[in-house]
Amino acid sequence: MRLFKFHKKLLFKAGALSVIVITSMASMAANSRYINDSANFNASFYLGVDAIYSNMKFRTNYGSNIFAKATAGINGFVGYMFTDSFGVEMGYEAEKKRKKTSVVDGGKYVAGWLVPQGMGSVTFISKVQQQHPYLGITSNANFGDEGFLSTLVGVSLSHIHAQYDMVQPKFVMNQYSTFSKTKLVIMARLAIGYKLADHIAIRTFVTWRDTPVFKINSKENVIGKLIKLDNSFNIGLGLLLW
């Protein structure tokens, strides 16, 4: 619980910092010069926000049957283009806590732990949440009159926090388990954008993260309790300003 509260405070502070950074970048962007007036996406400084839909899967026997896979989230970002086609972008992606209630029969694995046959059917209530502050190198290419393609390759300091509770088991040594870890994760994004006006564009995109690097043991140190993640993807729609 203390760790969870700590990360809530960390998220609040990071959000406040993002607002300060975005406000500062907006002031600089208002006074920045265009790199190329003929380009569809031609800002030096830019900023924006994305609405995202995330799919983060758990591996079979290691959380797939009790944790929810999909959730919505938001990403705030700022960037700087050194040339028409090359730049950097940083952002903070936070996703809504996912909750799920599952019924698992005895003899099946839950987060690396075998539910004893004698328990019968057991109800699990789970929660999982993730945050992904990131930094990446971007590359843009214009097409048509107003369109542009954008790629990003970078890393995110990803944090995963998961927990489950067992409800009304016949016998149990630990009724809950908590899993929490932060790791540096490789990520890549492909986006298609469209310039709506001189200082406004929209983008739609798909993002991949190498989340199989996450193998998280329970904080309660129960032998065998372990969650493993599969590759995660998200899709989104964003607004860019410069």
Protein backbone atom coordinates (compact mmCIF):
# COMPACT_ATOMS: atom_id res chain seq x y z
CA MET A 1 0.00 0.00 0.00
CA ARG A 2 2.82 2.41 0.83
CA LEU A 3 4.51 1.62 -2.46
CA PHE A 4 1.25 2.23 -4.34
CA LYS A 5 0.75 5.57 -2.59
CA PHE A 6 4.33 6.49 -3.43
CA HIS A 7 3.75 5.87 -7.12
CA LYS A 8 0.51 7.87 -7.02
CA LYS A 9 2.48 10.79 -5.58
CA LEU A 10 5.19 10.24 -8.19
CA LEU A 11 2.59 10.29 -10.97
CA PHE A 12 1.08 13.52 -9.59
CA LYS A 13 4.49 15.20 -9.43
CA ALA A 14 5.36 14.00 -12.93
CA GLY A 15 2.04 15.33 -14.21
CA ALA A 16 2.67 18.70 -12.61
CA LEU A 17 6.16 18.78 -14.09
CA SER A 18 4.73 17.93 -17.51
CA VAL A 19 2.35 20.89 -17.29
CA ILE A 20 5.26 23.21 -16.48
CA VAL A 21 7.37 21.79 -19.31
CA ILE A 22 4.51 21.97 -21.82
CA THR A 23 3.71 25.56 -20.81
CA SER A 24 7.36 26.54 -21.25
CA MET A 25 7.59 24.76 -24.58
CA ALA A 26 4.40 26.45 -25.76
CA SER A 27 5.95 29.84 -25.05
CA MET A 28 9.07 28.88 -27.00
CA ALA A 29 7.01 27.37 -29.80
CA ALA A 30 5.07 30.61 -30.19
CA ASN A 31 8.34 32.40 -30.89
CA SER A 32 10.09 29.63 -32.86
CA ARG A 33 10.89 29.87 -36.57
CA TYR A 34 9.73 27.34 -39.14
CA ILE A 35 12.39 25.01 -40.46
CA ASN A 36 10.79 24.80 -43.90
CA ASP A 37 7.64 26.74 -44.77
CA SER A 38 6.71 24.24 -47.51
CA ALA A 39 6.75 21.22 -45.19
CA ASN A 40 3.47 19.73 -43.91
CA PHE A 41 4.87 19.35 -40.40
CA ASN A 42 7.38 22.15 -40.13
CA ALA A 43 7.68 23.17 -36.49
CA SER A 44 10.92 23.30 -34.54
CA PHE A 45 9.24 22.97 -31.13
CA TYR A 46 5.93 21.12 -30.88
CA LEU A 47 3.71 19.69 -28.17
CA GLY A 48 0.49 17.77 -27.89
CA VAL A 49 -1.67 15.15 -26.29
CA ASP A 50 -2.77 11.65 -27.35
CA ALA A 51 -5.77 9.55 -26.36
CA ILE A 52 -4.62 5.92 -26.33
CA TYR A 53 -6.08 2.43 -26.15
CA SER A 54 -3.59 -0.08 -24.76
CA ASN A 55 -3.38 -3.87 -24.99
CA MET A 56 -0.89 -5.40 -22.55
CA LYS A 57 -1.03 -9.19 -22.40
CA PHE A 58 0.22 -11.54 -19.72
CA ARG A 59 1.69 -14.93 -20.52
CA THR A 60 -0.23 -18.18 -20.09
CA ASN A 61 -0.03 -19.44 -16.48
CA TYR A 62 1.57 -16.13 -15.43
CA GLY A 63 -1.40 -13.78 -15.17
CA SER A 64 -3.30 -14.17 -18.45
CA ASN A 65 -6.38 -15.67 -16.80
CA ILE A 66 -6.89 -13.05 -14.06
CA PHE A 67 -5.56 -9.67 -15.28
CA ALA A 68 -7.40 -7.40 -17.71
CA LYS A 69 -5.58 -6.80 -20.98
CA ALA A 70 -7.01 -3.57 -22.41
CA THR A 71 -7.47 -0.07 -21.04
CA ALA A 72 -7.58 3.58 -22.06
CA GLY A 73 -5.00 6.21 -21.26
CA ILE A 74 -3.48 9.56 -22.12
CA ASN A 75 -0.06 10.74 -23.27
CA GLY A 76 1.34 14.27 -23.03
CA PHE A 77 4.43 15.03 -25.11
CA VAL A 78 6.83 17.72 -26.33
CA GLY A 79 9.37 17.53 -29.13
CA TYR A 80 12.03 19.37 -31.07
CA MET A 81 12.85 18.94 -34.77
CA PHE A 82 16.48 19.60 -35.66
CA THR A 83 15.68 19.37 -39.39
CA ASP A 84 12.57 18.74 -41.52
CA SER A 85 12.90 14.99 -40.93
CA PHE A 86 14.88 14.45 -37.71
CA GLY A 87 14.13 15.28 -34.09
CA VAL A 88 13.53 14.09 -30.54
CA GLU A 89 10.36 13.62 -28.51
CA MET A 90 9.70 13.04 -24.83
CA GLY A 91 6.40 12.22 -23.19
CA TYR A 92 4.59 10.70 -20.25
CA GLU A 93 2.01 7.99 -20.91
CA ALA A 94 -0.32 7.09 -18.06
CA GLU A 95 -3.05 4.50 -18.32
CA LYS A 96 -6.24 3.92 -16.38
CA LYS A 97 -6.18 1.24 -13.72
CA ARG A 98 -7.61 -2.00 -15.06
CA LYS A 99 -9.79 -4.16 -12.82
CA LYS A 100 -11.09 -7.65 -13.42
CA THR A 101 -12.94 -10.37 -11.53
CA SER A 102 -12.18 -13.96 -12.58
CA VAL A 103 -13.18 -17.44 -11.40
CA VAL A 104 -10.42 -20.06 -11.65
CA ASP A 105 -10.85 -23.78 -10.99
CA GLY A 106 -8.47 -25.73 -8.80
CA GLY A 107 -5.63 -27.37 -10.69
CA LYS A 108 -4.91 -24.30 -12.85
CA TYR A 109 -2.07 -21.79 -12.58
CA VAL A 110 -2.58 -18.21 -11.45
CA ALA A 111 0.47 -15.93 -11.74
CA GLY A 112 2.86 -18.90 -11.54
CA TRP A 113 1.04 -20.44 -8.57
CA LEU A 114 -0.95 -23.69 -8.89
CA VAL A 115 -4.40 -23.40 -7.32
CA PRO A 116 -4.85 -26.60 -5.22
CA GLN A 117 -7.54 -28.97 -6.43
CA GLY A 118 -9.09 -28.95 -2.96
CA MET A 119 -9.99 -25.27 -3.25
CA GLY A 120 -12.56 -25.86 -5.98
CA SER A 121 -13.43 -22.66 -7.84
CA VAL A 122 -11.73 -19.53 -6.52
CA THR A 123 -12.63 -15.90 -7.29
CA PHE A 124 -9.80 -13.48 -8.00
CA ILE A 125 -10.16 -9.69 -8.03
CA SER A 126 -7.23 -8.07 -9.81
CA LYS A 127 -5.87 -4.61 -10.54
CA VAL A 128 -3.07 -3.56 -12.87
CA GLN A 129 -1.72 -0.16 -13.85
CA GLN A 130 1.18 1.07 -15.96
CA GLN A 131 3.08 4.32 -16.64
CA HIS A 132 5.59 4.94 -19.42
CA PRO A 133 7.69 8.13 -19.43
CA TYR A 134 9.72 7.94 -22.65
CA LEU A 135 12.36 9.58 -24.84
CA GLY A 136 12.87 8.80 -28.51
CA ILE A 137 14.33 9.82 -31.85
CA THR A 138 11.73 10.83 -34.45
CA SER A 139 11.85 10.85 -38.22
CA ASN A 140 9.24 12.55 -40.44
CA ALA A 141 8.45 12.35 -44.15
CA ASN A 142 5.81 14.47 -45.91
CA PHE A 143 3.33 13.14 -48.46
CA GLY A 144 0.59 14.85 -50.44
CA ASP A 145 -0.37 18.42 -49.66
CA GLU A 146 -0.95 18.10 -45.93
CA GLY A 147 0.05 14.59 -44.81
CA PHE A 148 3.14 13.25 -43.07
CA LEU A 149 4.54 9.95 -41.81
CA SER A 150 6.40 9.81 -38.50
CA THR A 151 8.42 7.11 -36.76
CA LEU A 152 9.87 7.06 -33.26
CA VAL A 153 12.44 4.67 -31.79
CA GLY A 154 13.38 5.10 -28.16
CA VAL A 155 13.16 3.86 -24.60
CA SER A 156 10.60 4.18 -21.84
CA LEU A 157 11.13 3.90 -18.09
CA SER A 158 8.11 1.67 -17.71
CA HIS A 159 6.46 0.91 -14.37
CA ILE A 160 4.04 -2.00 -13.88
CA HIS A 161 2.01 -2.42 -10.69
CA ALA A 162 -0.33 -5.40 -10.34
CA GLN A 163 -2.24 -6.94 -7.46
CA TYR A 164 -4.82 -9.65 -6.91
CA ASP A 165 -7.00 -10.77 -4.00
CA MET A 166 -8.51 -14.23 -3.52
CA VAL A 167 -12.09 -14.14 -2.35
CA GLN A 168 -13.71 -16.85 -0.16
CA PRO A 169 -11.18 -19.65 -0.67
CA LYS A 170 -11.56 -22.77 1.45
CA PHE A 171 -8.05 -22.37 2.80
CA VAL A 172 -5.26 -19.97 1.97
CA MET A 173 -1.92 -18.85 3.39
CA ASN A 174 -1.79 -15.48 1.65
CA GLN A 175 -5.02 -13.92 0.41
CA TYR A 176 -3.37 -11.28 -1.76
CA SER A 177 -0.26 -10.81 -3.89
CA THR A 178 1.41 -7.64 -5.16
CA PHE A 179 3.78 -7.28 -8.11
CA SER A 180 5.65 -4.06 -8.88
CA LYS A 181 8.67 -3.22 -11.01
CA THR A 182 10.26 -0.44 -13.08
CA LYS A 183 12.48 -1.24 -16.09
CA LEU A 184 13.99 0.47 -19.11
CA VAL A 185 12.10 -0.83 -22.15
CA ILE A 186 12.69 -0.46 -25.90
CA MET A 187 9.77 1.04 -27.83
CA ALA A 188 8.85 1.96 -31.41
CA ARG A 189 5.98 3.96 -32.93
CA LEU A 190 4.58 4.49 -36.43
CA ALA A 191 2.26 7.45 -36.99
CA ILE A 192 0.33 9.03 -39.86
CA GLY A 193 -0.49 12.72 -39.51
CA TYR A 194 -2.52 15.37 -41.27
CA LYS A 195 -2.03 19.12 -41.05
CA LEU A 196 -5.36 20.84 -40.29
CA ALA A 197 -4.06 24.41 -40.19
CA ASP A 198 -0.78 26.35 -40.00
CA HIS A 199 -0.20 25.41 -36.36
CA ILE A 200 -2.39 22.32 -35.83
CA ALA A 201 -2.14 18.69 -36.92
CA ILE A 202 -3.62 15.36 -35.89
CA ARG A 203 -1.91 11.98 -35.82
CA THR A 204 -2.99 8.37 -35.48
CA PHE A 205 -0.46 5.76 -34.49
CA VAL A 206 0.47 2.33 -33.21
CA THR A 207 3.14 1.82 -30.52
CA TRP A 208 5.01 -1.35 -29.53
CA ARG A 209 6.94 -1.98 -26.31
CA ASP A 210 9.28 -4.83 -25.44
CA THR A 211 7.42 -5.66 -22.22
CA PRO A 212 8.42 -9.39 -22.19
CA VAL A 213 11.47 -8.15 -20.27
CA PHE A 214 9.13 -7.88 -17.26
CA LYS A 215 9.23 -10.93 -15.01
CA ILE A 216 7.99 -9.81 -11.59
CA ASN A 217 8.05 -11.85 -8.39
CA SER A 218 5.46 -11.20 -5.71
CA LYS A 219 6.36 -8.69 -3.01
CA GLU A 220 5.19 -11.20 -0.40
CA ASN A 221 8.01 -13.58 -1.47
CA VAL A 222 5.68 -16.54 -1.92
CA ILE A 223 7.61 -19.20 -3.82
CA GLY A 224 6.36 -19.61 -7.38
CA LYS A 225 4.20 -16.49 -7.50
CA LEU A 226 5.37 -14.66 -10.61
CA ILE A 227 3.86 -12.65 -13.47
CA LYS A 228 5.29 -12.43 -16.98
CA LEU A 229 4.27 -10.01 -19.69
CA ASP A 230 3.97 -10.45 -23.42
CA ASN A 231 4.51 -7.75 -26.07
CA SER A 232 2.30 -4.71 -25.55
CA PHE A 233 0.74 -2.49 -28.18
CA ASN A 234 -1.36 0.62 -28.15
CA ILE A 235 -3.19 2.65 -30.76
CA GLY A 236 -4.05 6.29 -30.41
CA LEU A 237 -5.26 9.56 -31.82
CA GLY A 238 -3.42 12.78 -30.98
CA LEU A 239 -3.38 16.53 -31.48
CA LEU A 240 -0.14 18.43 -32.23
CA LEU A 241 0.43 22.16 -31.81
CA TRP A 242 3.42 24.30 -32.85
